[in-house]
Every structure is written in structure tokens, then in C-alpha cells.
Protein backbone atom coordinates (compact mmCIF):
# COMPACT_ATOMS: atom_id res chain seq x y z
CA MET A 1 110.06 104.98 95.96
CA ARG A 2 108.88 107.34 98.69
CA LYS A 3 106.63 106.53 101.62
CA PHE A 4 103.86 108.78 102.86
CA THR A 5 101.66 108.42 105.93
CA ALA A 6 97.94 108.79 105.33
CA VAL A 7 95.21 109.47 107.86
CA VAL A 8 92.12 107.34 107.23
CA LYS A 9 88.62 107.82 108.55
CA ARG A 10 85.15 106.60 107.61
CA ASP A 11 82.60 109.11 106.31
CA SER A 12 79.49 108.66 108.46
CA GLU A 13 77.13 109.67 105.64
CA THR A 14 78.52 107.59 102.75
CA GLY A 15 80.34 104.82 104.60
CA PHE A 16 83.35 105.39 102.34
CA LEU A 17 86.89 105.47 103.71
CA VAL A 18 88.50 108.87 103.26
CA GLY A 19 92.26 109.32 103.39
CA TYR A 20 94.68 112.22 103.19
CA VAL A 21 98.38 112.83 103.64
CA PRO A 22 98.84 115.53 106.30
CA GLY A 23 100.76 118.52 105.00
CA PHE A 24 100.65 117.40 101.34
CA PRO A 25 98.16 119.68 99.55
CA GLY A 26 95.86 117.77 97.20
CA ALA A 27 96.86 114.32 98.47
CA HIS A 28 93.44 112.99 99.41
CA SER A 29 91.01 110.40 98.08
CA GLN A 30 88.32 107.91 99.07
CA GLY A 31 87.39 104.28 98.51
CA LYS A 32 84.91 101.61 99.55
CA THR A 33 87.69 99.40 100.99
CA ARG A 34 91.16 100.03 102.39
CA ALA A 35 92.67 98.43 99.30
CA GLU A 36 90.68 100.70 97.00
CA LEU A 37 91.54 103.76 99.10
CA THR A 38 95.25 102.85 99.09
CA GLN A 39 95.27 102.44 95.31
CA ASN A 40 93.41 105.73 94.83
CA LEU A 41 95.81 107.57 97.16
CA ARG A 42 98.80 106.05 95.34
CA GLU A 43 97.47 107.30 92.00
CA VAL A 44 96.82 110.80 93.36
CA ILE A 45 100.27 111.02 94.96
CA GLU A 46 102.00 109.78 91.79
CA MET A 47 100.11 112.37 89.76
CA LEU A 48 101.05 115.16 92.19
CA LEU A 49 104.71 114.08 92.17
CA GLU A 50 104.79 114.44 88.37
CA ASP A 51 104.79 118.20 89.01
CA GLY A 52 107.96 117.86 91.12
CA GLU A 53 108.73 117.51 94.78
CA PRO A 54 105.91 118.80 96.98
CA GLU A 55 106.37 121.66 99.38
CA LEU A 56 105.04 119.88 102.43
CA GLU A 57 103.16 122.13 104.82
CA GLY A 58 104.02 119.92 107.78
CA GLU A 59 105.24 116.51 108.84
CA PHE A 60 103.09 113.73 110.32
CA VAL A 61 104.41 113.02 113.81
CA GLY A 62 101.94 110.55 115.27
CA ILE A 63 98.66 110.15 117.05
CA GLU A 64 97.81 110.82 120.66
CA THR A 65 95.02 109.42 122.81
CA VAL A 66 93.59 112.00 125.19
CA THR A 67 91.36 111.04 128.09
CA ALA A 68 88.98 113.69 129.38
């Protein structure tokens, strides 16, 4: 079983949580709760992996807080 890091944010218009895996084309989804979003992302990723290993466009490194 592989692990992927997803970025999660809240859509200001719908209130839904939106998540995507950086560098993994097509690996994105939404949900009303974190649990629903996680399940939806899992299903999307499993479906994408059925086509074989993804050619990742990049690798998630981390987050940075910038003060300006």
C-alpha cells in the first residue's frame, strides 16, 4: 500500500473541503468532511493506479510559513 500526501483547503463558495495530491495528475476530489474527502481521494487514487504507476510531475516537499 502506497502513501500519498494531499493538500486540503476549504472552498469559500461551497464550504466543501477540496484536496489534491501535488504532482499526481487527476488526483483531486472534494467532500463535506475530512473523512469524506479522504475516502473520495482514496477512491480516485486507486482508480488512477489501475492504469499503472503514475508519472509524477513533482514531489511534495513540505509547507513554509512566510511573514511579510
